[in-house]
């Protein structure tokens, strides 16, 4: 499976710079708070090196934010959102692709996105939870959703609905590509539920990369 060359990848270095500058924290001060060197921080912000999961955790703690904030995008909000297929926000991750369907730009408490997963594509070994309610519709292939320790296998045309504060994760256990629409509603205003799904998959990608480099 190949993805659109225009897919938007999450720029962690740029996000780090934006978060640091928004809080008026100097590079030297962030280095002191996180225990990392100013040189290491500079390399991360300039995308000369990719931060490990442990490094992201240190930075999140130093900035007093959840680690998922590094994977968040903040578009302008509107009461009416038309999202053309070619204009979707796209975040590729290991063996998968997240595509925003307009919820990230909507003022209401609704977020919708589409998952495309190759065989073995998943949100990783760590479950996630957030506020609101989650609706899942399998468009193609097989999607496995684990919710509160119970596994639900969805085939083409199947759907699932559950309270999102239950720990959950997803993966494609099949041999073909899987597509699914996920809609999250009723979440707290300060919450960004779709970012948990993006971050979980991206963190898994980082962990797998680190594991490969160590071998």
Protein backbone atom coordinates (compact mmCIF):
# COMPACT_ATOMS: atom_id res chain seq x y z
CA UNK A 1 0.00 0.00 0.00
CA UNK A 2 1.32 3.45 -0.87
CA UNK A 3 0.20 6.74 0.64
CA UNK A 4 -0.34 10.15 -0.91
CA UNK A 5 2.95 11.99 -1.31
CA UNK A 6 1.22 15.07 0.09
CA UNK A 7 0.45 13.34 3.39
CA UNK A 8 1.14 15.64 6.31
CA UNK A 9 3.50 14.15 8.86
CA UNK A 10 3.57 15.44 12.41
CA UNK A 11 6.60 17.72 12.81
CA UNK A 12 7.63 17.08 16.43
CA UNK A 13 10.58 19.47 16.21
CA UNK A 14 8.41 22.35 15.09
CA UNK A 15 5.78 21.52 17.70
CA UNK A 16 8.44 21.54 20.41
CA UNK A 17 9.63 24.98 19.30
CA UNK A 18 6.05 26.33 19.19
CA UNK A 19 5.22 24.96 22.65
CA UNK A 20 8.47 26.26 24.14
CA UNK A 21 8.12 29.74 22.64
CA UNK A 22 4.42 29.98 23.55
CA UNK A 23 5.44 29.45 27.18
CA UNK A 24 8.37 31.89 26.81
CA UNK A 25 10.85 29.26 27.91
CA UNK A 26 14.39 29.57 26.61
CA UNK A 27 16.28 26.61 25.21
CA UNK A 28 18.65 26.77 28.20
CA UNK A 29 15.76 26.80 30.69
CA UNK A 30 14.05 23.84 29.00
CA UNK A 31 17.37 21.99 29.07
CA UNK A 32 17.59 22.62 32.82
CA UNK A 33 14.02 21.47 33.46
CA UNK A 34 14.23 18.36 31.29
CA UNK A 35 17.77 17.26 32.08
CA UNK A 36 18.63 17.29 28.37
CA UNK A 37 21.42 19.33 26.82
CA UNK A 38 20.67 22.54 24.95
CA UNK A 39 22.49 21.05 21.96
CA UNK A 40 20.21 18.01 21.97
CA UNK A 41 17.14 20.25 22.12
CA UNK A 42 18.44 22.36 19.25
CA UNK A 43 18.95 19.26 17.10
CA UNK A 44 15.39 18.07 17.86
CA UNK A 45 13.85 21.45 17.00
CA UNK A 46 15.80 21.58 13.73
CA UNK A 47 14.75 17.99 12.91
CA UNK A 48 18.36 16.82 12.83
CA UNK A 49 17.47 13.99 15.19
CA UNK A 50 14.29 12.19 16.21
CA UNK A 51 13.47 12.18 19.95
CA UNK A 52 12.95 8.87 21.68
CA UNK A 53 9.80 8.12 23.67
CA UNK A 54 11.70 8.65 26.92
CA UNK A 55 12.96 12.03 25.65
CA UNK A 56 9.42 13.08 24.71
CA UNK A 57 8.26 12.11 28.19
CA UNK A 58 10.98 14.28 29.75
CA UNK A 59 10.04 17.22 27.54
CA UNK A 60 6.32 16.80 28.23
CA UNK A 61 7.02 16.79 31.96
CA UNK A 62 9.26 19.87 31.68
CA UNK A 63 6.61 21.75 29.69
CA UNK A 64 3.81 20.43 31.95
CA UNK A 65 1.80 19.02 29.07
CA UNK A 66 0.59 15.52 28.10
CA UNK A 67 2.88 13.75 25.63
CA UNK A 68 0.01 13.69 23.11
CA UNK A 69 0.34 17.47 22.69
CA UNK A 70 3.42 16.93 20.51
CA UNK A 71 1.18 15.24 17.92
CA UNK A 72 -1.63 17.81 17.96
CA UNK A 73 -2.44 20.18 15.13
CA UNK A 74 -4.48 23.32 15.85
CA UNK A 75 -6.47 24.45 12.79
CA UNK A 76 -8.96 27.30 12.91
CA UNK A 77 -12.42 26.26 14.15
CA UNK A 78 -15.66 26.82 12.23
CA UNK A 79 -19.40 26.11 12.62
CA UNK A 80 -19.53 24.72 9.09
CA UNK A 81 -16.79 22.46 7.77
CA UNK A 82 -16.54 21.04 4.25
CA UNK A 83 -13.53 18.76 3.94
CA UNK A 84 -12.58 17.88 0.38
CA UNK A 85 -10.82 14.56 -0.14
CA UNK A 86 -7.65 16.26 -1.36
CA UNK A 87 -7.61 18.64 1.64
CA UNK A 88 -7.66 16.10 4.46
CA UNK A 89 -5.05 16.32 7.20
CA UNK A 90 -3.04 13.12 6.81
CA UNK A 91 -0.69 11.61 9.38
CA UNK A 92 1.18 8.48 8.27
CA UNK A 93 2.49 6.05 10.86
CA UNK A 94 4.00 2.58 10.75
CA UNK A 95 1.76 0.43 8.52
CA UNK A 96 -1.08 2.93 8.64
CA UNK A 97 -2.55 6.31 7.85
CA UNK A 98 -4.78 8.67 9.86
CA UNK A 99 -6.99 11.07 7.88
CA UNK A 100 -9.00 13.83 9.52
CA UNK A 101 -12.55 14.23 8.19
CA UNK A 102 -13.13 17.76 9.43
CA UNK A 103 -13.76 17.29 13.12
CA UNK A 104 -10.42 18.87 13.98
CA UNK A 105 -11.75 22.12 12.43
CA UNK A 106 -15.27 21.97 13.86
CA UNK A 107 -16.38 24.05 16.86
CA UNK A 108 -18.70 21.31 18.16
CA UNK A 109 -17.82 18.25 20.20
CA UNK A 110 -17.49 15.89 17.25
CA UNK A 111 -14.31 14.47 15.75
CA UNK A 112 -14.25 12.07 12.81
CA UNK A 113 -11.35 10.40 11.06
CA UNK A 114 -10.55 7.47 8.81
CA UNK A 115 -7.99 4.80 9.51
CA UNK A 116 -6.21 2.88 6.78
CA UNK A 117 -4.23 -0.05 8.13
CA UNK A 118 -1.99 -2.56 6.44
CA UNK A 119 -1.75 -6.06 7.88
CA UNK A 120 -0.30 -5.67 11.39
CA UNK A 121 -0.97 -1.94 11.55
CA UNK A 122 -2.08 -0.94 15.04
CA UNK A 123 -2.28 1.70 17.74
CA UNK A 124 0.46 -0.16 19.60
CA UNK A 125 0.60 -2.21 22.82
CA UNK A 126 -0.53 0.64 25.06
CA UNK A 127 -4.23 1.24 25.46
CA UNK A 128 -5.70 4.74 25.37
CA UNK A 129 -8.67 6.43 27.00
CA UNK A 130 -10.31 9.82 26.72
CA UNK A 131 -13.66 11.46 27.33
CA UNK A 132 -16.71 11.07 25.11
CA UNK A 133 -18.25 8.23 23.14
CA UNK A 134 -16.73 6.40 20.19
CA UNK A 135 -18.42 4.97 17.07
CA UNK A 136 -16.47 2.70 14.73
CA UNK A 137 -17.58 1.55 11.26
CA UNK A 138 -15.48 -0.96 9.32
CA UNK A 139 -15.53 -0.01 5.64
CA UNK A 140 -13.24 -2.75 4.35
CA UNK A 141 -11.21 -5.66 5.65
CA UNK A 142 -10.97 -6.70 9.30
CA UNK A 143 -10.53 -4.39 12.28
CA UNK A 144 -9.91 -5.65 15.80
CA UNK A 145 -10.91 -3.30 18.63
CA UNK A 146 -10.00 -4.19 22.19
CA UNK A 147 -12.20 -2.36 24.72
CA UNK A 148 -11.78 -2.87 28.48
CA UNK A 149 -9.92 -6.13 27.81
CA UNK A 150 -12.63 -7.54 25.52
CA UNK A 151 -11.79 -8.08 21.85
CA UNK A 152 -14.34 -7.16 19.17
CA UNK A 153 -13.54 -8.23 15.60
CA UNK A 154 -15.27 -6.11 12.96
CA UNK A 155 -15.68 -7.21 9.36
CA UNK A 156 -16.84 -5.09 6.43
CA UNK A 157 -20.10 -3.36 7.37
CA UNK A 158 -19.82 -4.06 11.11
CA UNK A 159 -19.91 -1.27 13.69
CA UNK A 160 -19.02 -0.74 17.33
CA UNK A 161 -20.01 1.89 19.89
CA UNK A 162 -18.58 2.36 23.39
CA UNK A 163 -17.76 4.84 26.14
CA UNK A 164 -14.29 6.21 25.36
CA UNK A 165 -13.16 6.33 28.99
CA UNK A 166 -12.78 2.55 28.71
CA UNK A 167 -9.22 1.60 27.80
CA UNK A 168 -9.10 0.71 24.10
CA UNK A 169 -6.79 0.04 21.19
CA UNK A 170 -7.08 -1.19 17.60
CA UNK A 171 -5.23 -3.25 15.00
CA UNK A 172 -5.63 -4.98 11.65
CA UNK A 173 -5.27 -8.74 12.19
CA UNK A 174 -6.23 -9.60 8.61
CA UNK A 175 -4.18 -10.19 5.48
CA UNK A 176 -5.66 -7.29 3.50
CA UNK A 177 -5.83 -3.53 3.96
CA UNK A 178 -8.47 -2.30 6.41
CA UNK A 179 -10.40 0.99 6.26
CA UNK A 180 -12.56 2.27 9.10
CA UNK A 181 -14.41 5.46 9.99
CA UNK A 182 -14.21 6.53 13.65
CA UNK A 183 -16.46 9.22 15.11
CA UNK A 184 -15.98 10.55 18.65
CA UNK A 185 -18.62 12.75 20.29
CA UNK A 186 -19.53 14.31 23.63
CA UNK A 187 -15.96 14.78 24.85
CA UNK A 188 -14.87 17.48 27.26
CA UNK A 189 -14.12 20.83 25.66
CA UNK A 190 -10.48 20.74 26.73
CA UNK A 191 -9.98 17.24 25.33
CA UNK A 192 -8.66 16.36 21.86
CA UNK A 193 -9.63 12.67 21.54
CA UNK A 194 -8.34 12.02 18.03
CA UNK A 195 -4.82 13.04 19.11
CA UNK A 196 -4.72 10.08 21.49
CA UNK A 197 -5.19 7.76 18.51
CA UNK A 198 -2.53 9.58 16.47
CA UNK A 199 -0.07 9.74 19.36
CA UNK A 200 -0.55 6.09 20.31
CA UNK A 201 0.31 4.95 16.78
CA UNK A 202 3.23 7.40 16.44
CA UNK A 203 4.68 6.41 19.82
CA UNK A 204 4.49 2.77 18.79
CA UNK A 205 6.42 3.71 15.63
CA UNK A 206 9.11 5.42 17.73
CA UNK A 207 9.36 2.45 20.09
CA UNK A 208 9.70 0.00 17.19
CA UNK A 209 12.38 2.20 15.61
CA UNK A 210 14.31 2.37 18.88
CA UNK A 211 14.03 -1.41 19.32
CA UNK A 212 15.37 -2.01 15.79
CA UNK A 213 18.30 0.34 16.35
CA UNK A 214 19.25 -1.44 19.57
CA UNK A 215 19.43 -4.86 17.87
